[in-house]
Protein backbone atom coordinates (compact mmCIF):
# COMPACT_ATOMS: atom_id res chain seq x y z
CA MET A 1 25.80 29.40 13.13
CA ILE A 2 23.52 31.22 10.69
CA ASP A 3 22.24 34.62 11.76
CA LYS A 4 18.45 34.67 12.06
CA THR A 5 18.22 37.86 9.97
CA ALA A 6 20.12 36.16 7.15
CA ARG A 7 17.95 33.02 7.07
CA PRO A 8 15.47 34.37 4.49
CA ILE A 9 18.38 35.12 2.16
CA TYR A 10 19.77 31.61 2.60
CA LEU A 11 16.33 30.13 1.97
CA LEU A 12 15.97 32.13 -1.23
CA LEU A 13 19.44 31.04 -2.37
CA ALA A 14 18.61 27.42 -1.55
CA ALA A 15 15.32 27.64 -3.47
CA ALA A 16 17.05 29.26 -6.45
CA SER A 17 19.76 26.59 -6.41
CA LEU A 18 17.11 23.87 -6.26
CA PHE A 19 15.29 25.22 -9.30
CA ILE A 20 18.55 25.57 -11.24
CA ILE A 21 19.43 21.95 -10.41
CA MET A 22 15.94 20.76 -11.40
CA PHE A 23 16.02 22.51 -14.77
CA GLY A 24 19.56 21.21 -15.31
CA ILE A 25 18.31 17.66 -14.67
CA LYS A 26 15.38 18.17 -17.05
CA ALA A 27 17.65 19.53 -19.78
CA THR A 28 20.06 16.60 -19.52
CA ALA A 29 17.46 13.85 -19.01
CA VAL A 30 18.58 12.03 -22.17
CA ILE A 31 22.04 11.59 -20.62
CA ILE A 32 20.92 11.01 -17.03
CA ASN A 33 18.22 8.41 -17.71
CA PRO A 34 20.50 5.56 -18.88
CA ILE A 35 22.88 6.24 -15.98
CA LEU A 36 20.09 6.10 -13.40
CA LEU A 37 18.59 2.95 -14.93
CA ALA A 38 22.00 1.27 -14.98
CA LEU A 39 22.60 2.30 -11.35
CA ILE A 40 19.27 0.86 -10.18
CA ILE A 41 19.84 -2.40 -12.10
CA THR A 42 23.33 -2.65 -10.61
CA ILE A 43 21.97 -2.19 -7.08
CA ALA A 44 19.30 -4.83 -7.71
CA VAL A 45 21.68 -7.57 -8.95
CA LEU A 46 24.82 -6.65 -6.97
CA PRO A 47 24.49 -9.55 -4.47
CA LEU A 48 24.17 -12.14 -7.27
CA PRO A 49 27.91 -12.47 -8.13
CA GLY A 50 28.70 -12.94 -4.42
CA MET A 51 26.06 -15.64 -4.12
CA LEU A 52 27.49 -17.44 -7.16
CA ALA A 53 31.03 -17.12 -5.75
CA GLN A 54 29.89 -18.68 -2.46
CA ARG A 55 28.80 -21.74 -4.44
CA GLY A 56 32.37 -22.27 -5.64
CA MET A 57 32.31 -20.23 -8.84
CA SER A 58 35.26 -17.94 -9.58
CA HIS A 59 34.65 -14.20 -9.18
CA LYS A 60 35.31 -13.48 -12.86
CA LEU A 61 32.97 -16.22 -14.04
CA ALA A 62 30.31 -15.06 -11.54
CA LEU A 63 30.60 -11.51 -12.89
CA VAL A 64 30.35 -12.65 -16.51
CA LEU A 65 27.37 -14.92 -15.73
CA THR A 66 25.58 -12.08 -13.91
CA ILE A 67 26.08 -9.76 -16.86
CA LEU A 68 24.86 -12.43 -19.30
CA ILE A 69 21.75 -13.11 -17.19
CA VAL A 70 20.78 -9.42 -16.97
CA VAL A 71 21.53 -8.68 -20.62
CA GLY A 72 19.74 -11.86 -21.72
CA ILE A 73 16.57 -11.12 -19.75
CA ILE A 74 16.40 -7.50 -20.89
CA ALA A 75 17.17 -8.43 -24.51
CA PHE A 76 14.45 -11.12 -24.48
CA VAL A 77 11.87 -8.71 -23.03
CA MET A 78 12.83 -6.01 -25.52
CA LEU A 79 12.63 -8.51 -28.40
CA LEU A 80 9.09 -9.48 -27.45
CA PHE A 81 8.09 -5.88 -26.81
CA GLY A 82 9.68 -4.59 -30.01
CA TYR A 83 8.18 -7.33 -32.18
CA GLY A 84 4.74 -6.67 -30.66
CA LEU A 85 4.95 -2.92 -31.28
CA TYR A 86 6.20 -3.41 -34.83
CA SER A 87 3.37 -5.84 -35.62
CA LEU A 88 0.84 -3.50 -34.02
CA ALA A 89 2.08 -0.61 -36.18
CA GLN A 90 1.57 -2.77 -39.29
CA ASP A 91 -1.99 -3.71 -38.28
CA LEU A 92 -3.11 -0.22 -37.26
CA PRO A 93 -5.10 0.46 -40.48
CA THR A 94 -7.23 -2.64 -39.87
CA TYR A 95 -7.91 -1.66 -36.25
CA ALA A 96 -8.69 1.90 -37.32
CA GLU A 97 -11.40 0.58 -39.65
CA ASP A 98 -12.78 -1.56 -36.82
CA ILE A 99 -12.88 1.47 -34.51
CA ALA A 100 -14.69 3.48 -37.19
CA ALA A 101 -17.26 0.69 -37.56
CA ARG A 102 -17.73 0.51 -33.78
CA SER A 103 -18.20 4.28 -33.70
CA GLU A 104 -21.01 3.98 -36.24
CA GLU A 105 -22.67 1.28 -34.15
CA PHE A 106 -22.30 3.40 -31.02
CA ALA A 107 -23.86 6.41 -32.76
CA ALA A 108 -26.70 4.30 -34.12
CA TRP A 109 -27.35 2.92 -30.65
CA TYR A 110 -28.06 6.47 -29.51
CA GLU A 111 -30.15 7.03 -32.67
CA ASP A 112 -27.69 9.67 -33.78
CA THR A 113 -26.78 10.51 -37.36
CA THR A 114 -23.21 10.12 -38.46
CA SER A 115 -21.89 11.67 -41.60
CA GLU A 116 -19.87 9.55 -43.99
CA GLU A 117 -16.83 11.76 -43.40
CA ALA A 118 -16.85 11.11 -39.66
CA ALA A 119 -16.79 7.35 -40.20
CA THR A 120 -14.09 7.44 -42.86
CA VAL A 121 -10.67 6.28 -41.70
CA ASP A 122 -7.95 8.86 -42.31
CA ALA A 123 -5.10 6.77 -43.71
CA GLU A 124 -2.63 9.62 -43.28
CA GLN A 125 -3.32 9.90 -39.54
CA VAL A 126 -2.96 6.14 -39.16
CA ASN A 127 0.40 6.26 -40.93
CA VAL A 128 1.52 9.11 -38.68
CA LEU A 129 0.56 7.10 -35.60
CA ALA A 130 2.42 4.06 -36.93
CA GLY A 131 5.48 6.23 -37.53
CA ILE A 132 5.30 7.55 -33.97
CA ILE A 133 5.17 3.99 -32.59
CA LEU A 134 8.17 2.92 -34.69
CA GLY A 135 10.07 6.06 -33.67
CA LEU A 136 9.41 5.35 -30.00
CA LEU A 137 10.59 1.78 -30.54
CA VAL A 138 13.90 2.91 -32.09
CA ASN A 139 14.46 5.44 -29.29
CA LEU A 140 13.65 2.82 -26.67
CA LEU A 141 16.11 0.35 -28.16
CA ALA A 142 18.85 3.01 -28.19
CA GLN A 143 18.19 3.90 -24.54
CA VAL A 144 18.21 0.25 -23.49
CA GLY A 145 21.47 -0.38 -25.33
CA MET A 146 23.16 2.57 -23.64
CA THR A 147 21.78 1.47 -20.26
CA LEU A 148 23.17 -2.05 -20.64
CA LEU A 149 26.59 -0.72 -21.65
CA ILE A 150 26.75 1.55 -18.58
CA PHE A 151 25.48 -1.31 -16.39
CA ILE A 152 28.32 -3.58 -17.54
CA PHE A 153 30.91 -0.97 -16.55
CA MET A 154 29.17 -0.21 -13.24
CA ILE A 155 28.83 -3.78 -12.00
CA SER A 156 32.34 -4.63 -13.19
CA ALA A 157 33.76 -1.72 -11.20
CA ALA A 158 31.67 -2.62 -8.14
CA ILE A 159 32.81 -6.25 -8.16
CA VAL A 160 36.45 -5.84 -9.21
CA THR A 161 37.29 -2.90 -6.93
CA PRO A 162 38.26 -4.19 -3.44
CA SER A 163 36.10 -2.80 -0.66
CA GLY A 164 39.20 -1.66 1.22
CA ALA A 165 40.23 0.51 -1.72
CA LEU A 166 37.04 2.53 -1.56
CA PRO A 167 37.44 5.75 0.45
CA GLY A 168 35.19 5.87 3.50
CA ALA A 169 33.90 2.34 3.02
CA ASP A 170 33.94 1.55 6.75
CA PRO A 171 30.44 0.16 7.50
CA THR A 172 30.61 1.55 11.05
CA VAL A 173 30.54 5.12 9.70
CA PRO A 174 26.96 6.48 9.87
CA HIS A 175 27.00 7.77 6.27
CA VAL A 176 28.13 4.42 4.91
CA ASP A 177 25.59 2.58 7.07
CA ARG A 178 22.77 4.76 5.72
CA ALA A 179 23.97 4.20 2.15
CA SER A 180 23.93 0.44 2.77
CA LYS A 181 20.40 0.71 4.15
CA PHE A 182 19.39 2.69 1.08
CA THR A 183 20.68 0.02 -1.31
CA ALA A 184 18.97 -2.69 0.76
CA ASP A 185 15.65 -0.78 0.67
CA VAL A 186 15.90 -0.18 -3.07
CA ARG A 187 16.79 -3.82 -3.67
CA LYS A 188 13.81 -5.05 -1.65
CA TYR A 189 11.49 -2.63 -3.43
CA LEU A 190 12.72 -3.68 -6.87
CA ASN A 191 12.65 -7.41 -6.13
CA VAL A 192 9.13 -7.37 -4.68
CA THR A 193 7.81 -5.02 -7.37
CA THR A 194 9.35 -7.09 -10.16
CA VAL A 195 7.79 -10.33 -8.90
CA ILE A 196 4.41 -8.63 -8.38
CA ASN A 197 4.48 -6.98 -11.82
CA PHE A 198 5.53 -10.20 -13.52
CA THR A 199 2.65 -12.09 -11.87
CA VAL A 200 0.18 -9.35 -12.79
CA GLY A 201 1.43 -9.21 -16.37
CA MET A 202 1.08 -12.98 -16.78
CA LEU A 203 -2.48 -12.93 -15.41
CA ASP A 204 -3.41 -9.99 -17.67
CA ALA A 205 -1.94 -11.71 -20.74
CA LEU A 206 -3.74 -14.98 -19.88
CA MET A 207 -7.06 -13.17 -19.49
CA LEU A 208 -6.61 -11.37 -22.83
CA TYR A 209 -5.57 -14.61 -24.56
CA ILE A 210 -8.70 -16.39 -23.28
CA LEU A 211 -10.87 -13.50 -24.48
CA GLY A 212 -9.16 -13.58 -27.88
CA VAL A 213 -7.76 -10.04 -27.74
CA ASP A 214 -4.82 -9.60 -30.11
CA TYR A 215 -1.27 -9.03 -28.81
CA ALA A 216 -2.00 -10.45 -25.36
CA VAL A 217 1.73 -10.91 -24.68
CA LEU A 218 2.46 -7.29 -25.61
CA TRP A 219 -0.20 -5.97 -23.24
CA GLY A 220 1.05 -8.28 -20.48
CA LEU A 221 4.57 -6.90 -20.92
CA LEU A 222 3.17 -3.37 -20.90
CA ALA A 223 1.34 -4.08 -17.63
CA TRP A 224 4.59 -5.45 -16.18
CA LEU A 225 6.63 -2.38 -17.16
CA LEU A 226 4.02 0.22 -16.23
CA GLY A 227 3.51 -1.54 -12.89
CA TYR A 228 6.72 0.19 -11.72
CA ILE A 229 4.88 3.51 -11.94
CA PRO A 230 3.08 3.97 -8.60
CA THR A 231 -0.66 4.66 -8.39
CA ILE A 232 -1.40 5.34 -12.07
CA GLY A 233 0.71 2.69 -13.83
CA PHE A 234 -1.95 0.01 -14.14
CA TRP A 235 -4.56 2.58 -15.28
CA LEU A 236 -2.27 3.46 -18.17
CA ALA A 237 -1.69 -0.22 -18.92
CA LEU A 238 -5.39 -1.05 -19.32
CA ILE A 239 -6.17 1.65 -21.91
CA PRO A 240 -4.69 0.03 -25.09
CA PRO A 241 -6.09 -3.50 -24.58
CA THR A 242 -9.50 -2.08 -23.65
CA ILE A 243 -9.63 -0.02 -26.84
CA LEU A 244 -8.44 -2.98 -28.90
CA ALA A 245 -11.04 -5.29 -27.32
CA TRP A 246 -13.72 -2.73 -28.16
CA ALA A 247 -12.48 -2.53 -31.78
CA GLN A 248 -12.42 -6.33 -32.14
CA TYR A 249 -15.52 -7.49 -30.27
CA GLY A 250 -17.53 -4.55 -29.00
CA ILE A 251 -18.36 -2.81 -25.76
CA GLU A 252 -19.15 -5.98 -23.77
CA THR A 253 -15.68 -7.50 -24.21
CA ALA A 254 -14.07 -4.11 -23.61
CA PHE A 255 -15.92 -3.85 -20.29
CA ILE A 256 -14.77 -7.36 -19.31
CA VAL A 257 -11.15 -6.41 -20.11
CA PHE A 258 -11.46 -3.19 -18.13
CA MET A 259 -12.92 -4.92 -15.06
CA GLY A 260 -10.39 -7.76 -15.35
CA PHE A 261 -7.48 -5.31 -15.22
CA VAL A 262 -9.04 -3.47 -12.30
CA LEU A 263 -9.58 -6.67 -10.31
CA ILE A 264 -6.20 -8.25 -11.10
CA ASN A 265 -3.93 -5.21 -10.94
CA GLY A 266 -5.86 -3.28 -8.32
CA SER A 267 -6.20 -6.14 -5.85
CA VAL A 268 -2.56 -7.22 -6.16
CA GLN A 269 -1.08 -3.73 -5.87
CA ASN A 270 -3.40 -2.57 -3.09
CA PHE A 271 -3.48 -5.68 -0.90
CA ILE A 272 -0.69 -8.14 -1.71
CA GLN A 273 2.16 -5.74 -2.51
CA PRO A 274 1.91 -3.66 0.72
CA LYS A 275 2.05 -6.86 2.81
CA LEU A 276 5.15 -8.08 0.98
CA MET A 277 6.82 -4.69 1.28
CA GLY A 278 6.25 -4.47 5.00
CA ASP A 279 7.04 -1.29 6.90
CA ASN A 280 10.67 -0.96 5.79
CA LEU A 281 9.96 1.63 3.14
CA LYS A 282 8.60 4.35 5.40
CA ILE A 283 7.44 6.76 2.72
CA SER A 284 4.11 8.53 2.92
CA PRO A 285 1.72 7.63 0.07
CA LEU A 286 1.33 11.37 -0.49
CA ILE A 287 5.10 11.75 -0.95
CA VAL A 288 5.11 8.83 -3.42
CA PHE A 289 2.22 10.39 -5.36
CA LEU A 290 3.87 13.83 -5.52
CA SER A 291 7.28 12.38 -6.37
CA LEU A 292 5.70 10.58 -9.32
CA PHE A 293 4.82 13.91 -10.94
CA VAL A 294 8.09 15.63 -9.97
CA TRP A 295 10.35 12.88 -11.34
CA GLY A 296 8.05 12.34 -14.31
CA TRP A 297 8.34 16.03 -15.19
CA LEU A 298 12.13 16.00 -14.76
CA LEU A 299 13.01 12.69 -16.45
CA GLY A 300 9.92 11.65 -18.39
CA GLY A 301 8.79 8.03 -18.33
CA VAL A 302 12.03 6.83 -16.72
CA GLY A 303 11.47 9.27 -13.86
CA ALA A 304 7.96 7.96 -13.30
CA ILE A 305 9.25 4.36 -13.22
CA LEU A 306 12.11 5.23 -10.82
CA ALA A 307 10.09 7.64 -8.66
CA VAL A 308 10.27 5.51 -5.50
CA PRO A 309 14.01 4.60 -5.68
CA LEU A 310 14.95 8.20 -6.49
CA THR A 311 12.82 9.49 -3.62
CA LEU A 312 14.53 7.01 -1.29
CA LEU A 313 17.87 8.36 -2.52
CA ILE A 314 16.87 11.96 -1.75
CA LEU A 315 15.56 11.00 1.70
CA THR A 316 18.78 9.11 2.48
CA PHE A 317 20.86 12.11 1.37
CA LEU A 318 18.83 14.52 3.53
CA ASP A 319 19.10 12.16 6.49
CA ASN A 320 22.91 12.48 6.43
CA PHE A 321 22.81 16.13 7.54
CA GLU A 322 21.51 17.49 10.80
CA GLN A 323 20.02 20.59 9.13
CA THR A 324 17.82 18.53 6.78
CA ARG A 325 17.20 15.42 8.87
């Protein structure tokens, strides 16, 4: 029993420990991110080998097939995404000239005077931006490769290790039961979110293709990936295609693209997704919104994408102790 006079000291120690842990996580984000991504992917696809085994397939073949499916899907997505980014980096000078021309038209519409310098495209800045895009692409490919390698080891260990050999794996124990509920909640969240994001990305890409906006597939993939970021993901996804539509065709097409993203992404994420999720994920929208910034600050883009699963993990951990329940 903690003495009441000592509680402020314990609270200060707990707060100091929390900040030390948070800064430790932030400093090691490059190492932690692939591990967390691999863990979440493993949780999402863990039932698949069992389902294949129930259909008469051997456990080893089911494991290998599961790994091949996951690696194949991720490799295909990364191939499309990487090719799109590389092509976009090559075409940036052309789009920069288009943006400069649109800027002149916009200034003339307001009967403003634009100096020749302001309308001139800075080739050096365009090259710097292209270099940044290619650098991000190389870093992304390295992170994905490390994630897939860790995933292969994780799912192999989870499938090969007998459940009886795991210490404390009795499902009747409250801690184990809560951990099982956590994995089930994360799996449902990921499955529903993936289907929703894929549908939204396809609709966005189809709309952009009909309008004639370049790299429609790339922007659809971007909408799919950023859809995992709660609240602000689809707002981030609509910025590049809107700017590109403005550079190609003008303000009218850009406005159509903007409104199309708002109607497609906003309606699906605000009306359809909550109904499919149900009430199982009992997390306050305020907690989700705050966790987005906390995990984003700690882990960068990966933290923003995994904000909901990581928050579920923290809530499950706190629920295991009477003092924090």
